[in-house]
Structure formats: structure tokens, C-alpha cells
PDB file of all heavy atoms in Angstrom:
ATOM      1  N   ASP A   1       0.757  -1.197   0.022  1.00  0.00           N
ATOM      2  CA  ASP A   1      -0.005   0.028  -0.010  1.00  0.00           C
ATOM      3  C   ASP A   1       0.847   1.211  -0.048  1.00  0.00           C
ATOM      4  O   ASP A   1       0.480   2.318  -0.538  1.00  0.00           O
ATOM      5  CB  ASP A   1      -1.046   0.009   1.264  1.00  0.00           C
ATOM      6  CG  ASP A   1      -2.050  -0.943   1.086  1.00  0.00           C
ATOM      7  OD1 ASP A   1      -2.316  -1.508   0.026  1.00  0.00           O
ATOM      8  OD2 ASP A   1      -2.639  -1.376   2.212  1.00  0.00           O
ATOM      9  N   SER A   2       2.067   1.282   0.704  1.00  0.00           N
ATOM     10  CA  SER A   2       2.822   2.328   0.835  1.00  0.00           C
ATOM     11  C   SER A   2       3.401   2.826  -0.504  1.00  0.00           C
ATOM     12  O   SER A   2       3.901   4.057  -0.571  1.00  0.00           O
ATOM     13  CB  SER A   2       3.901   2.165   1.901  1.00  0.00           C
ATOM     14  OG  SER A   2       4.829   1.087   1.337  1.00  0.00           O
ATOM     15  N   VAL A   3       3.462   1.978  -1.482  1.00  0.00           N
ATOM     16  CA  VAL A   3       4.119   2.374  -2.787  1.00  0.00           C
ATOM     17  C   VAL A   3       3.116   2.490  -3.883  1.00  0.00           C
ATOM     18  O   VAL A   3       3.561   2.748  -5.107  1.00  0.00           O
ATOM     19  CB  VAL A   3       5.298   1.507  -3.085  1.00  0.00           C
ATOM     20  CG1 VAL A   3       6.208   1.483  -1.952  1.00  0.00           C
ATOM     21  CG2 VAL A   3       4.903   0.166  -3.518  1.00  0.00           C
ATOM     22  N   LYS A   4       1.857   2.049  -3.725  1.00  0.00           N
ATOM     23  CA  LYS A   4       0.936   2.029  -4.856  1.00  0.00           C
ATOM     24  C   LYS A   4       0.842   3.409  -5.456  1.00  0.00           C
ATOM     25  O   LYS A   4       0.902   4.472  -4.815  1.00  0.00           O
ATOM     26  CB  LYS A   4      -0.450   1.603  -4.332  1.00  0.00           C
ATOM     27  CG  LYS A   4      -0.626   0.188  -4.172  1.00  0.00           C
ATOM     28  CD  LYS A   4      -1.911  -0.180  -3.595  1.00  0.00           C
ATOM     29  CE  LYS A   4      -2.110  -1.654  -3.483  1.00  0.00           C
ATOM     30  NZ  LYS A   4      -3.473  -2.054  -2.853  1.00  0.00           N
ATOM     31  N   GLU A   5       0.765   3.394  -6.857  1.00  0.00           N
ATOM     32  CA  GLU A   5       0.545   4.669  -7.601  1.00  0.00           C
ATOM     33  C   GLU A   5       1.874   5.433  -7.666  1.00  0.00           C
ATOM     34  O   GLU A   5       1.887   6.505  -8.282  1.00  0.00           O
ATOM     35  CB  GLU A   5      -0.530   5.509  -7.182  1.00  0.00           C
ATOM     36  CG  GLU A   5      -1.953   4.722  -7.277  1.00  0.00           C
ATOM     37  CD  GLU A   5      -3.116   5.600  -6.976  1.00  0.00           C
ATOM     38  OE1 GLU A   5      -2.887   6.800  -6.887  1.00  0.00           O
ATOM     39  OE2 GLU A   5      -4.187   5.035  -6.903  1.00  0.00           O
ATOM     40  N   ARG A   6       2.991   5.014  -6.916  1.00  0.00           N
ATOM     41  CA  ARG A   6       4.255   5.559  -7.172  1.00  0.00           C
ATOM     42  C   ARG A   6       5.260   4.770  -7.784  1.00  0.00           C
ATOM     43  O   ARG A   6       6.171   5.246  -8.467  1.00  0.00           O
ATOM     44  CB  ARG A   6       4.742   6.075  -5.710  1.00  0.00           C
ATOM     45  CG  ARG A   6       3.855   7.018  -4.977  1.00  0.00           C
ATOM     46  CD  ARG A   6       4.532   7.694  -3.753  1.00  0.00           C
ATOM     47  NE  ARG A   6       4.881   6.607  -2.827  1.00  0.00           N
ATOM     48  CZ  ARG A   6       6.209   6.374  -2.279  1.00  0.00           C
ATOM     49  NH1 ARG A   6       7.106   7.101  -2.787  1.00  0.00           N
ATOM     50  NH2 ARG A   6       6.377   5.451  -1.460  1.00  0.00           N
ATOM     51  N   PHE A   7       5.257   3.434  -7.442  1.00  0.00           N
ATOM     52  CA  PHE A   7       6.243   2.506  -7.924  1.00  0.00           C
ATOM     53  C   PHE A   7       5.535   1.604  -8.986  1.00  0.00           C
ATOM     54  O   PHE A   7       4.359   1.297  -8.920  1.00  0.00           O
ATOM     55  CB  PHE A   7       6.719   1.619  -6.825  1.00  0.00           C
ATOM     56  CG  PHE A   7       7.573   2.340  -5.806  1.00  0.00           C
ATOM     57  CD1 PHE A   7       7.838   3.694  -5.739  1.00  0.00           C
ATOM     58  CD2 PHE A   7       8.331   1.597  -4.886  1.00  0.00           C
ATOM     59  CE1 PHE A   7       8.625   4.273  -4.930  1.00  0.00           C
ATOM     60  CE2 PHE A   7       9.162   2.138  -3.968  1.00  0.00           C
ATOM     61  CZ  PHE A   7       9.256   3.499  -4.064  1.00  0.00           C
ATOM     62  N   THR A   8       6.256   1.186  -9.871  1.00  0.00           N
ATOM     63  CA  THR A   8       5.836   0.322 -11.014  1.00  0.00           C
ATOM     64  C   THR A   8       6.734  -0.884 -11.103  1.00  0.00           C
ATOM     65  O   THR A   8       7.989  -0.601 -11.412  1.00  0.00           O
ATOM     66  CB  THR A   8       5.577   0.921 -12.362  1.00  0.00           C
ATOM     67  OG1 THR A   8       4.636   2.016 -12.116  1.00  0.00           O
ATOM     68  CG2 THR A   8       5.027  -0.075 -13.316  1.00  0.00           C
ATOM     69  N   ILE A   9       6.380  -2.181 -10.970  1.00  0.00           N
ATOM     70  CA  ILE A   9       7.212  -3.229 -11.245  1.00  0.00           C
ATOM     71  C   ILE A   9       6.910  -3.764 -12.588  1.00  0.00           C
ATOM     72  O   ILE A   9       5.724  -3.796 -13.100  1.00  0.00           O
ATOM     73  CB  ILE A   9       6.983  -4.347 -10.194  1.00  0.00           C
ATOM     74  CG1 ILE A   9       8.030  -5.408 -10.319  1.00  0.00           C
ATOM     75  CG2 ILE A   9       5.635  -4.900 -10.179  1.00  0.00           C
ATOM     76  CD1 ILE A   9       8.057  -6.367  -9.136  1.00  0.00           C
ATOM     77  N   SER A  10       7.969  -4.287 -13.384  1.00  0.00           N
ATOM     78  CA  SER A  10       7.720  -4.840 -14.705  1.00  0.00           C
ATOM     79  C   SER A  10       8.822  -5.845 -14.907  1.00  0.00           C
ATOM     80  O   SER A  10       9.775  -5.870 -14.144  1.00  0.00           O
ATOM     81  CB  SER A  10       7.722  -3.833 -15.734  1.00  0.00           C
ATOM     82  OG  SER A  10       8.972  -2.907 -15.728  1.00  0.00           O
ATOM     83  N   ARG A  11       8.638  -6.640 -16.021  1.00  0.00           N
ATOM     84  CA  ARG A  11       9.722  -7.580 -16.241  1.00  0.00           C
ATOM     85  C   ARG A  11       9.863  -7.754 -17.730  1.00  0.00           C
ATOM     86  O   ARG A  11       8.972  -7.630 -18.508  1.00  0.00           O
ATOM     87  CB  ARG A  11       9.361  -8.842 -15.431  1.00  0.00           C
ATOM     88  CG  ARG A  11       8.135  -9.661 -15.918  1.00  0.00           C
ATOM     89  CD  ARG A  11       7.779 -10.753 -14.974  1.00  0.00           C
ATOM     90  NE  ARG A  11       8.851 -11.927 -15.148  1.00  0.00           N
ATOM     91  CZ  ARG A  11       8.917 -12.895 -14.317  1.00  0.00           C
ATOM     92  NH1 ARG A  11       8.241 -12.929 -13.238  1.00  0.00           N
ATOM     93  NH2 ARG A  11       9.807 -13.821 -14.517  1.00  0.00           N
ATOM     94  N   ASP A  12      10.998  -8.246 -18.125  1.00  0.00           N
ATOM     95  CA  ASP A  12      11.262  -8.574 -19.471  1.00  0.00           C
ATOM     96  C   ASP A  12      11.781 -10.002 -19.396  1.00  0.00           C
ATOM     97  O   ASP A  12      12.977 -10.232 -19.093  1.00  0.00           O
ATOM     98  CB  ASP A  12      12.373  -7.676 -20.102  1.00  0.00           C
ATOM     99  CG  ASP A  12      12.657  -7.994 -21.470  1.00  0.00           C
ATOM    100  OD1 ASP A  12      12.378  -9.182 -22.013  1.00  0.00           O
ATOM    101  OD2 ASP A  12      13.164  -7.073 -22.267  1.00  0.00           O
ATOM    102  N   ASN A  13      10.964 -11.011 -19.839  1.00  0.00           N
ATOM    103  CA  ASN A  13      11.304 -12.315 -19.641  1.00  0.00           C
ATOM    104  C   ASN A  13      12.354 -12.775 -20.562  1.00  0.00           C
ATOM    105  O   ASN A  13      13.159 -13.755 -20.247  1.00  0.00           O
ATOM    106  CB  ASN A  13      10.060 -13.296 -19.747  1.00  0.00           C
ATOM    107  CG  ASN A  13       9.126 -13.225 -18.616  1.00  0.00           C
ATOM    108  OD1 ASN A  13       9.392 -12.789 -17.466  1.00  0.00           O
ATOM    109  ND2 ASN A  13       7.833 -13.458 -18.866  1.00  0.00           N
ATOM    110  N   ALA A  14      12.406 -12.105 -21.665  1.00  0.00           N
ATOM    111  CA  ALA A  14      13.558 -12.461 -22.668  1.00  0.00           C
ATOM    112  C   ALA A  14      14.941 -12.053 -22.063  1.00  0.00           C
ATOM    113  O   ALA A  14      15.936 -12.789 -22.461  1.00  0.00           O
ATOM    114  CB  ALA A  14      13.277 -11.832 -23.927  1.00  0.00           C
ATOM    115  N   LYS A  15      14.931 -11.151 -21.253  1.00  0.00           N
ATOM    116  CA  LYS A  15      16.100 -10.714 -20.610  1.00  0.00           C
ATOM    117  C   LYS A  15      16.366 -11.232 -19.211  1.00  0.00           C
ATOM    118  O   LYS A  15      17.254 -10.961 -18.497  1.00  0.00           O
ATOM    119  CB  LYS A  15      16.330  -9.184 -20.627  1.00  0.00           C
ATOM    120  CG  LYS A  15      16.373  -8.654 -22.023  1.00  0.00           C
ATOM    121  CD  LYS A  15      16.427  -7.124 -21.974  1.00  0.00           C
ATOM    122  CE  LYS A  15      16.481  -6.505 -23.319  1.00  0.00           C
ATOM    123  NZ  LYS A  15      16.616  -5.007 -23.360  1.00  0.00           N
ATOM    124  N   ASN A  16      15.320 -11.951 -18.684  1.00  0.00           N
ATOM    125  CA  ASN A  16      15.321 -12.414 -17.304  1.00  0.00           C
ATOM    126  C   ASN A  16      15.650 -11.209 -16.345  1.00  0.00           C
ATOM    127  O   ASN A  16      16.456 -11.351 -15.413  1.00  0.00           O
ATOM    128  CB  ASN A  16      16.398 -13.493 -17.086  1.00  0.00           C
ATOM    129  CG  ASN A  16      15.873 -14.888 -17.339  1.00  0.00           C
ATOM    130  OD1 ASN A  16      14.679 -15.056 -17.667  1.00  0.00           O
ATOM    131  ND2 ASN A  16      16.679 -15.885 -17.271  1.00  0.00           N
ATOM    132  N   THR A  17      14.938 -10.165 -16.649  1.00  0.00           N
ATOM    133  CA  THR A  17      15.169  -8.883 -15.857  1.00  0.00           C
ATOM    134  C   THR A  17      13.778  -8.412 -15.259  1.00  0.00           C
ATOM    135  O   THR A  17      12.762  -8.456 -15.997  1.00  0.00           O
ATOM    136  CB  THR A  17      15.775  -7.838 -16.746  1.00  0.00           C
ATOM    137  OG1 THR A  17      17.068  -8.339 -17.226  1.00  0.00           O
ATOM    138  CG2 THR A  17      15.992  -6.566 -15.957  1.00  0.00           C
ATOM    139  N   VAL A  18      13.928  -7.961 -14.007  1.00  0.00           N
ATOM    140  CA  VAL A  18      12.813  -7.295 -13.366  1.00  0.00           C
ATOM    141  C   VAL A  18      13.232  -5.804 -13.059  1.00  0.00           C
ATOM    142  O   VAL A  18      14.375  -5.550 -12.751  1.00  0.00           O
ATOM    143  CB  VAL A  18      12.255  -8.067 -12.240  1.00  0.00           C
ATOM    144  CG1 VAL A  18      13.369  -8.062 -11.086  1.00  0.00           C
ATOM    145  CG2 VAL A  18      11.035  -7.462 -11.671  1.00  0.00           C
ATOM    146  N   TYR A  19      12.277  -4.928 -13.174  1.00  0.00           N
ATOM    147  CA  TYR A  19      12.546  -3.594 -12.929  1.00  0.00           C
ATOM    148  C   TYR A  19      11.666  -2.952 -11.883  1.00  0.00           C
ATOM    149  O   TYR A  19      10.460  -3.575 -11.650  1.00  0.00           O
ATOM    150  CB  TYR A  19      12.316  -2.770 -14.281  1.00  0.00           C
ATOM    151  CG  TYR A  19      13.063  -3.275 -15.452  1.00  0.00           C
ATOM    152  CD1 TYR A  19      12.429  -4.053 -16.438  1.00  0.00           C
ATOM    153  CD2 TYR A  19      14.369  -2.779 -15.665  1.00  0.00           C
ATOM    154  CE1 TYR A  19      13.083  -4.501 -17.559  1.00  0.00           C
ATOM    155  CE2 TYR A  19      15.122  -3.191 -16.806  1.00  0.00           C
ATOM    156  CZ  TYR A  19      14.434  -4.167 -17.729  1.00  0.00           C
ATOM    157  OH  TYR A  19      15.173  -4.559 -18.827  1.00  0.00           O
ATOM    158  N   LEU A  20      12.114  -2.024 -11.262  1.00  0.00           N
ATOM    159  CA  LEU A  20      11.251  -1.271 -10.257  1.00  0.00           C
ATOM    160  C   LEU A  20      11.361   0.259 -10.606  1.00  0.00           C
ATOM    161  O   LEU A  20      12.404   0.784 -10.236  1.00  0.00           O
ATOM    162  CB  LEU A  20      11.548  -1.616  -8.895  1.00  0.00           C
ATOM    163  CG  LEU A  20      10.537  -0.915  -7.867  1.00  0.00           C
ATOM    164  CD1 LEU A  20       9.277  -1.543  -7.973  1.00  0.00           C
ATOM    165  CD2 LEU A  20      11.241  -1.114  -6.432  1.00  0.00           C
ATOM    166  N   GLN A  21      10.424   0.801 -11.132  1.00  0.00           N
ATOM    167  CA  GLN A  21      10.380   2.310 -11.452  1.00  0.00           C
ATOM    168  C   GLN A  21       9.857   2.947 -10.212  1.00  0.00           C
ATOM    169  O   GLN A  21       8.687   2.615  -9.879  1.00  0.00           O
ATOM    170  CB  GLN A  21       9.537   2.616 -12.651  1.00  0.00           C
ATOM    171  CG  GLN A  21       9.458   4.037 -12.954  1.00  0.00           C
ATOM    172  CD  GLN A  21      10.730   4.718 -13.383  1.00  0.00           C
ATOM    173  OE1 GLN A  21      11.630   4.190 -14.181  1.00  0.00           O
ATOM    174  NE2 GLN A  21      11.095   5.810 -12.755  1.00  0.00           N
ATOM    175  N   MET A  22      10.668   3.801  -9.614  1.00  0.00           N
ATOM    176  CA  MET A  22      10.128   4.515  -8.366  1.00  0.00           C
ATOM    177  C   MET A  22      10.115   6.003  -8.614  1.00  0.00           C
ATOM    178  O   MET A  22      11.066   6.590  -8.839  1.00  0.00           O
ATOM    179  CB  MET A  22      11.207   4.210  -7.274  1.00  0.00           C
ATOM    180  CG  MET A  22      11.507   2.726  -6.967  1.00  0.00           C
ATOM    181  SD  MET A  22      12.529   2.464  -5.579  1.00  0.00           S
ATOM    182  CE  MET A  22      14.135   3.201  -6.112  1.00  0.00           C
ATOM    183  N   ASN A  23       8.827   6.441  -8.446  1.00  0.00           N
ATOM    184  CA  ASN A  23       8.565   7.901  -8.759  1.00  0.00           C
ATOM    185  C   ASN A  23       8.224   8.495  -7.430  1.00  0.00           C
ATOM    186  O   ASN A  23       7.751   7.772  -6.480  1.00  0.00           O
ATOM    187  CB  ASN A  23       7.516   8.088  -9.752  1.00  0.00           C
ATOM    188  CG  ASN A  23       7.931   7.596 -11.173  1.00  0.00           C
ATOM    189  OD1 ASN A  23       9.199   7.514 -11.461  1.00  0.00           O
ATOM    190  ND2 ASN A  23       7.038   7.134 -11.926  1.00  0.00           N
ATOM    191  N   THR A  24       8.273   9.818  -7.338  1.00  0.00           N
ATOM    192  CA  THR A  24       7.796  10.507  -6.156  1.00  0.00           C
ATOM    193  C   THR A  24       8.384   9.952  -4.905  1.00  0.00           C
ATOM    194  O   THR A  24       7.576   9.668  -3.951  1.00  0.00           O
ATOM    195  CB  THR A  24       6.293  10.597  -6.091  1.00  0.00           C
ATOM    196  OG1 THR A  24       5.760  10.804  -7.367  1.00  0.00           O
ATOM    197  CG2 THR A  24       5.826  11.789  -5.219  1.00  0.00           C
ATOM    198  N   LEU A  25       9.706   9.780  -4.812  1.00  0.00           N
ATOM    199  CA  LEU A  25      10.312   9.218  -3.744  1.00  0.00           C
ATOM    200  C   LEU A  25      10.217   9.997  -2.404  1.00  0.00           C
ATOM    201  O   LEU A  25      10.243  11.223  -2.534  1.00  0.00           O
ATOM    202  CB  LEU A  25      11.852   8.810  -4.078  1.00  0.00           C
ATOM    203  CG  LEU A  25      11.989   7.745  -4.884  1.00  0.00           C
ATOM    204  CD1 LEU A  25      13.395   7.702  -5.643  1.00  0.00           C
ATOM    205  CD2 LEU A  25      11.884   6.279  -4.102  1.00  0.00           C
ATOM    206  N   LYS A  26       9.900   9.371  -1.352  1.00  0.00           N
ATOM    207  CA  LYS A  26       9.708   9.985  -0.136  1.00  0.00           C
ATOM    208  C   LYS A  26      10.706   9.727   0.876  1.00  0.00           C
ATOM    209  O   LYS A  26      11.442   8.778   0.803  1.00  0.00           O
ATOM    210  CB  LYS A  26       8.271   9.608   0.306  1.00  0.00           C
ATOM    211  CG  LYS A  26       7.124   9.770  -0.439  1.00  0.00           C
ATOM    212  CD  LYS A  26       5.822   9.258   0.201  1.00  0.00           C
ATOM    213  CE  LYS A  26       4.603   9.658  -0.629  1.00  0.00           C
ATOM    214  NZ  LYS A  26       3.338   9.184  -0.089  1.00  0.00           N
ATOM    215  N   PRO A  27      10.784  10.476   1.944  1.00  0.00           N
ATOM    216  CA  PRO A  27      11.712  10.201   2.990  1.00  0.00           C
ATOM    217  C   PRO A  27      11.685   8.923   3.652  1.00  0.00           C
ATOM    218  O   PRO A  27      12.659   8.474   4.194  1.00  0.00           O
ATOM    219  CB  PRO A  27      11.458  11.391   3.963  1.00  0.00           C
ATOM    220  CG  PRO A  27      10.892  12.442   3.187  1.00  0.00           C
ATOM    221  CD  PRO A  27      10.073  11.786   2.127  1.00  0.00           C
ATOM    222  N   GLU A  28      10.556   8.241   3.559  1.00  0.00           N
ATOM    223  CA  GLU A  28      10.298   6.960   4.125  1.00  0.00           C
ATOM    224  C   GLU A  28      10.736   5.811   3.248  1.00  0.00           C
ATOM    225  O   GLU A  28      10.704   4.623   3.587  1.00  0.00           O
ATOM    226  CB  GLU A  28       8.907   6.753   4.600  1.00  0.00           C
ATOM    227  CG  GLU A  28       7.860   6.848   3.551  1.00  0.00           C
ATOM    228  CD  GLU A  28       7.206   8.159   3.633  1.00  0.00           C
ATOM    229  OE1 GLU A  28       7.876   9.172   3.753  1.00  0.00           O
ATOM    230  OE2 GLU A  28       6.042   8.331   3.330  1.00  0.00           O
ATOM    231  N   ASP A  29      11.125   6.110   2.014  1.00  0.00           N
ATOM    232  CA  ASP A  29      11.600   5.109   1.080  1.00  0.00           C
ATOM    233  C   ASP A  29      12.972   4.596   1.137  1.00  0.00           C
ATOM    234  O   ASP A  29      13.297   3.546   0.541  1.00  0.00           O
ATOM    235  CB  ASP A  29      11.295   5.591  -0.351  1.00  0.00           C
ATOM    236  CG  ASP A  29       9.786   5.692  -0.656  1.00  0.00           C
ATOM    237  OD1 ASP A  29       9.056   4.857  -0.206  1.00  0.00           O
ATOM    238  OD2 ASP A  29       9.520   6.698  -1.363  1.00  0.00           O
ATOM    239  N   PRO A  30      13.875   5.376   1.720  1.00  0.00           N
ATOM    240  CA  PRO A  30      15.304   4.914   1.749  1.00  0.00           C
ATOM    241  C   PRO A  30      15.505   3.500   2.346  1.00  0.00           C
ATOM    242  O   PRO A  30      14.876   3.217   3.449  1.00  0.00           O
ATOM    243  CB  PRO A  30      16.049   6.003   2.655  1.00  0.00           C
ATOM    244  CG  PRO A  30      15.254   7.203   2.407  1.00  0.00           C
ATOM    245  CD  PRO A  30      13.719   6.625   2.337  1.00  0.00           C
ATOM    246  N   ALA A  31      16.274   2.688   1.891  1.00  0.00           N
ATOM    247  CA  ALA A  31      16.489   1.301   2.273  1.00  0.00           C
ATOM    248  C   ALA A  31      17.404   0.595   1.374  1.00  0.00           C
ATOM    249  O   ALA A  31      17.711   1.170   0.387  1.00  0.00           O
ATOM    250  CB  ALA A  31      15.159   0.545   2.277  1.00  0.00           C
ATOM    251  N   VAL A  32      17.729  -0.540   1.648  1.00  0.00           N
ATOM    252  CA  VAL A  32      18.526  -1.433   0.808  1.00  0.00           C
ATOM    253  C   VAL A  32      17.316  -2.211   0.099  1.00  0.00           C
ATOM    254  O   VAL A  32      16.497  -2.858   0.894  1.00  0.00           O
ATOM    255  CB  VAL A  32      19.417  -2.332   1.504  1.00  0.00           C
ATOM    256  CG1 VAL A  32      20.120  -3.385   0.453  1.00  0.00           C
ATOM    257  CG2 VAL A  32      20.535  -1.649   2.224  1.00  0.00           C
ATOM    258  N   TYR A  33      17.352  -2.194  -1.195  1.00  0.00           N
ATOM    259  CA  TYR A  33      16.279  -2.801  -2.032  1.00  0.00           C
ATOM    260  C   TYR A  33      16.912  -4.159  -2.528  1.00  0.00           C
ATOM    261  O   TYR A  33      17.991  -4.183  -3.212  1.00  0.00           O
ATOM    262  CB  TYR A  33      15.845  -1.938  -3.149  1.00  0.00           C
ATOM    263  CG  TYR A  33      14.837  -0.869  -2.719  1.00  0.00           C
ATOM    264  CD1 TYR A  33      15.411   0.195  -1.821  1.00  0.00           C
ATOM    265  CD2 TYR A  33      13.571  -0.821  -3.033  1.00  0.00           C
ATOM    266  CE1 TYR A  33      14.454   1.172  -1.485  1.00  0.00           C
ATOM    267  CE2 TYR A  33      12.723   0.069  -2.571  1.00  0.00           C
ATOM    268  CZ  TYR A  33      13.071   1.115  -1.767  1.00  0.00           C
ATOM    269  OH  TYR A  33      12.241   2.096  -1.333  1.00  0.00           O
ATOM    270  N   TYR A  34      16.150  -5.216  -2.248  1.00  0.00           N
ATOM    271  CA  TYR A  34      16.529  -6.547  -2.652  1.00  0.00           C
ATOM    272  C   TYR A  34      15.619  -7.174  -3.740  1.00  0.00           C
ATOM    273  O   TYR A  34      14.392  -7.068  -3.590  1.00  0.00           O
ATOM    274  CB  TYR A  34      16.606  -7.471  -1.447  1.00  0.00           C
ATOM    275  CG  TYR A  34      17.538  -7.112  -0.292  1.00  0.00           C
ATOM    276  CD1 TYR A  34      17.153  -6.358   0.705  1.00  0.00           C
ATOM    277  CD2 TYR A  34      18.844  -7.633  -0.388  1.00  0.00           C
ATOM    278  CE1 TYR A  34      18.093  -6.044   1.692  1.00  0.00           C
ATOM    279  CE2 TYR A  34      19.735  -7.231   0.708  1.00  0.00           C
ATOM    280  CZ  TYR A  34      19.305  -6.443   1.679  1.00  0.00           C
ATOM    281  OH  TYR A  34      20.240  -6.127   2.719  1.00  0.00           O
ATOM    282  N   CYS A  35      16.232  -7.782  -4.619  1.00  0.00           N
ATOM    283  CA  CYS A  35      15.444  -8.604  -5.667  1.00  0.00           C
ATOM    284  C   CYS A  35      15.267  -9.933  -5.223  1.00  0.00           C
ATOM    285  O   CYS A  35      16.237 -10.585  -4.630  1.00  0.00           O
ATOM    286  CB  CYS A  35      16.273  -8.409  -7.059  1.00  0.00           C
ATOM    287  SG  CYS A  35      15.539  -9.358  -8.296  1.00  0.00           S
TER     288      CYS A  35
END
């Protein structure tokens, strides 16, 4: 809920890659992000 409408997850199966587009970053978002 904390990231809805700000973050978008997507993937490219041909490249075995997942993405996280993070917009409107807030002071509560800093962290180590793990895939």
C-alpha cells in the first residue's frame, strides 16, 4: 500500500530482468532494496 501509484514493477522475460520504477520518492523510502 505504501508504494501504490508511485512504484511500478515490470519484467522482461527475454532478458530475465525485473525492474522497479520508483517515482515521487519520499523520506520513508530509503532502504536497501533486494530482488
